[in-house]
Protein backbone atom coordinates (compact mmCIF):
# COMPACT_ATOMS: atom_id res chain seq x y z
CA LYS A 1 100.82 85.24 138.08
CA ASP A 2 97.55 87.05 137.62
CA HIS A 3 97.70 89.39 134.61
CA PRO A 4 95.71 90.26 131.46
CA PHE A 5 98.46 89.74 128.86
CA SER A 6 97.68 87.34 125.99
CA GLU A 7 101.03 87.47 124.18
CA VAL A 8 104.60 88.65 124.70
CA VAL A 9 106.71 90.13 121.91
CA VAL A 10 110.43 89.97 122.74
CA MET A 11 112.52 92.54 120.89
CA ILE A 12 115.87 90.94 120.02
CA PRO A 13 119.14 92.47 118.77
CA PRO A 14 119.74 91.77 115.06
CA ALA A 15 122.63 89.34 115.61
CA ALA A 16 121.08 87.47 118.56
CA ILE A 17 119.60 84.01 118.26
CA THR A 18 115.92 83.63 119.15
CA HIS A 19 114.97 81.14 121.85
CA ASP A 20 112.62 78.32 121.04
CA ASP A 21 112.07 77.31 124.67
CA TYR A 22 109.98 80.26 125.88
CA ASP A 23 107.14 77.84 126.63
CA ILE A 24 109.27 76.41 129.45
CA MET A 25 109.55 79.84 131.06
CA THR A 26 105.95 81.00 130.73
CA GLU A 27 102.48 79.85 129.76
CA VAL A 28 101.89 83.05 127.77
CA PRO A 29 102.61 82.72 124.02
CA VAL A 30 105.93 84.42 123.21
CA ARG A 31 107.04 85.72 119.83
CA GLY A 32 110.56 86.95 119.10
CA GLN A 33 111.14 89.90 116.78
CA HIS A 34 114.59 90.95 115.56
CA ARG A 35 115.14 94.67 115.77
CA ALA A 36 115.57 96.62 112.55
CA ALA A 37 116.16 99.86 114.50
CA PRO A 38 117.82 100.87 117.82
CA ASP A 39 116.20 99.65 121.05
CA PHE A 40 114.89 103.14 121.87
CA MET A 41 112.55 102.74 118.89
CA ASP A 42 110.91 99.58 120.29
CA LEU A 43 107.68 101.43 121.14
CA CYS A 44 107.17 102.09 117.45
CA GLU A 45 108.84 99.03 115.94
CA ALA A 46 107.15 96.21 117.90
CA ASP A 47 104.81 94.23 115.64
CA ILE A 48 101.67 94.18 117.79
CA LYS A 49 98.65 92.06 116.82
CA THR A 50 96.36 93.01 119.73
CA GLU A 51 94.20 96.14 120.10
CA TRP A 52 96.12 97.30 123.19
CA PHE A 53 99.60 96.66 124.57
CA MET A 54 102.09 97.66 127.24
CA ILE A 55 105.88 97.89 127.10
CA THR A 56 108.62 96.95 129.56
CA ASN A 57 112.29 95.96 129.44
CA SER A 58 114.62 93.27 130.73
CA TYR A 59 115.23 95.18 133.96
CA HIS A 60 111.62 94.46 134.97
CA GLN A 61 109.22 91.59 135.32
CA VAL A 62 105.44 91.43 135.44
CA SER A 63 104.06 92.16 138.90
CA ARG A 64 102.59 89.20 140.74
CA HIS A 65 99.15 90.72 140.33
CA VAL A 66 98.43 93.13 137.47
CA ASP A 67 95.04 94.76 137.80
CA LEU A 68 94.65 97.31 135.02
CA MET A 69 92.13 99.91 136.11
CA PHE A 70 89.22 101.09 134.00
CA VAL A 71 86.48 103.64 134.62
CA PRO A 72 83.47 101.67 135.96
CA GLY A 73 80.96 101.02 133.20
CA LYS A 74 83.33 102.24 130.50
CA TYR A 75 86.14 100.66 128.54
CA GLN A 76 88.34 103.61 129.47
CA PRO A 77 91.80 102.80 130.90
CA VAL A 78 92.94 104.74 133.97
CA ILE A 79 96.52 105.93 133.43
CA PRO A 80 98.70 107.50 136.16
CA PHE A 81 100.70 110.62 135.40
CA THR A 82 103.15 112.79 137.30
CA PRO A 83 102.67 116.58 137.15
CA ALA A 84 105.41 118.33 135.18
CA THR A 85 106.47 120.64 138.00
CA TYR A 86 109.89 121.52 139.41
CA PRO A 87 109.80 119.09 142.40
CA PHE A 88 108.53 116.15 140.34
CA CYS A 89 110.18 116.75 136.97
CA PHE A 90 111.99 119.94 135.97
CA LYS A 91 114.84 119.57 138.43
CA PHE A 92 115.73 116.28 136.67
CA PRO A 93 117.29 116.96 133.23
CA TYR A 94 115.97 113.78 131.59
CA CYS A 95 112.40 114.45 132.71
CA LYS A 96 112.62 118.11 131.70
CA GLU A 97 113.75 117.13 128.21
CA THR A 98 111.00 114.49 127.98
CA ILE A 99 108.46 117.28 128.48
CA ASN A 100 110.29 119.60 126.05
CA LEU A 101 110.02 116.95 123.33
CA ALA A 102 106.37 116.19 124.13
CA GLN A 103 105.56 119.90 123.85
CA ARG A 104 106.50 119.76 120.19
CA PHE A 105 103.22 117.90 119.75
CA ASN A 106 101.25 119.77 122.41
CA PRO A 107 102.63 123.13 123.58
CA GLY A 108 101.89 123.55 127.28
CA HIS A 109 101.85 119.79 127.87
CA ASP A 110 102.19 119.25 131.63
CA LYS A 111 101.85 115.52 132.30
CA VAL A 112 104.65 112.95 132.52
CA VAL A 113 103.46 109.45 131.62
CA LEU A 114 105.98 106.69 132.24
CA ASP A 115 106.46 104.39 129.25
CA MET A 116 105.57 101.34 131.36
CA ASP A 117 102.44 102.91 132.86
CA MET A 118 100.77 103.59 129.52
CA LEU A 119 98.32 101.16 127.98
CA TYR A 120 98.93 101.88 124.30
CA HIS A 121 96.12 101.72 121.77
CA THR A 122 97.84 99.98 118.86
CA GLU A 123 96.09 101.83 116.04
CA SER A 124 96.78 105.18 117.71
CA ARG A 125 100.38 104.12 118.38
CA ASN A 126 100.79 103.47 114.66
CA GLU A 127 99.51 106.95 113.74
CA PHE A 128 101.65 108.60 116.44
CA CYS A 129 104.78 106.76 115.32
CA LYS A 130 104.20 107.66 111.67
CA GLN A 131 104.12 111.35 112.60
CA TRP A 132 107.00 111.03 115.09
CA LYS A 133 109.21 109.54 112.36
CA GLU A 134 108.13 112.13 109.81
CA GLU A 135 109.25 114.88 112.18
CA ASN A 136 112.29 113.25 113.81
CA GLY A 137 113.58 110.66 111.33
CA GLU A 138 113.17 106.88 111.19
CA GLU A 139 115.60 106.47 114.10
CA GLY A 140 115.39 109.91 115.69
CA GLU A 141 118.34 111.24 113.70
CA ASP A 142 116.51 114.55 113.11
CA LEU A 143 115.39 115.02 116.73
CA TYR A 144 117.47 118.19 117.10
CA LYS A 145 117.84 119.15 113.44
CA HIS A 146 116.17 122.51 114.05
CA HIS A 147 117.92 123.11 117.37
CA GLN A 148 121.54 123.58 116.28
CA ARG A 149 121.92 126.79 118.30
CA ARG A 150 120.88 124.95 121.44
CA LEU A 151 123.41 122.20 120.72
CA MET A 152 126.17 124.78 120.31
CA PHE A 153 125.81 125.87 123.93
CA ARG A 154 125.43 122.41 125.45
CA LYS A 155 127.87 119.54 125.18
CA LYS A 156 125.12 116.97 125.50
CA ILE A 157 121.36 117.04 125.81
CA ILE A 158 120.17 114.57 128.45
CA GLY A 159 116.86 113.14 127.35
CA PRO A 160 115.09 110.33 125.50
CA PRO A 161 116.48 109.61 122.02
CA GLY A 162 113.23 108.00 120.88
CA PRO A 163 109.42 108.15 121.30
CA THR A 164 107.97 108.05 124.82
CA GLY A 165 104.69 107.46 126.60
CA THR A 166 104.66 111.17 127.44
CA ALA A 167 105.03 112.16 123.76
CA TYR A 168 102.36 109.61 122.77
CA TYR A 169 99.90 111.17 125.23
CA ALA A 170 100.82 114.71 124.13
CA TRP A 171 100.07 113.66 120.53
CA LEU A 172 96.71 112.20 121.60
CA VAL A 173 95.80 115.51 123.27
CA ARG A 174 96.70 117.43 120.11
CA GLU A 175 94.61 115.06 117.99
CA GLY A 176 91.66 115.21 120.39
CA LYS A 177 91.95 111.48 121.13
CA ASP A 178 92.98 111.69 124.79
CA GLY A 179 89.38 111.02 125.84
CA MET A 180 90.06 107.30 125.44
CA TYR A 181 91.94 107.53 128.78
CA LYS A 182 91.12 108.69 132.29
CA MET A 183 94.26 110.30 133.72
CA THR A 184 94.98 110.22 137.45
CA ASP A 185 97.63 112.14 139.38
CA ARG A 186 100.00 109.61 140.95
CA SER A 187 101.45 112.30 143.25
CA LEU A 188 98.03 112.46 144.95
CA TYR A 189 96.59 108.97 144.49
CA GLY A 190 99.62 106.73 143.90
CA ALA A 191 99.70 103.94 141.32
CA ARG A 192 100.11 100.18 141.09
CA PRO A 193 103.03 99.42 138.77
CA PRO A 194 102.29 96.59 136.33
CA PHE A 195 106.03 95.83 136.18
CA VAL A 196 108.52 95.64 139.05
CA LYS A 197 112.25 96.20 138.79
CA VAL A 198 114.38 93.09 139.27
CA PHE A 199 117.80 94.56 138.52
CA ALA A 200 119.05 97.45 140.63
CA LYS A 201 121.50 98.56 137.92
CA GLU A 202 120.60 101.82 136.25
CA GLU A 203 118.88 101.45 132.89
């Protein structure tokens, strides 16, 4: 396959045994890392050695051809987003809550960035995750600490229990660091997914 990835970090449940035969499956160097937190914290917990990285899960595989887009003449990644509007987002509870949580970093945030579409800048990821944990707890246990009244009226809040690509971008906007990316509206221009789904089962 044609892709730009130089290493794969596989996040493994604490009790699982790591494979030592990854080299049979792929030519890309693979490193296993046992989780010390729930899987929804992988974005923050993965021990990344490179300057940039992407994230996926076991429901997906790398597309046959991954061509990450950059602004011509600049080292500026082009990242697709979906507008946070009723037809594209707000009529879906999970998406609506994703935006609600991102707006804690950037009130008025209006872009949904899929976790697997974002090319994360590792140093910025580290800063974002530090602040996310300070505000929400090491494993998101304080995510709704200040929203008890809301919880009283709803049996369950449908949304992400951990950090997301949307929240990461909202944090970048707040910090004035979003200029490292060129955002493009996938509802108008489409997008080439770097990862394709191989299992139809819901994640």
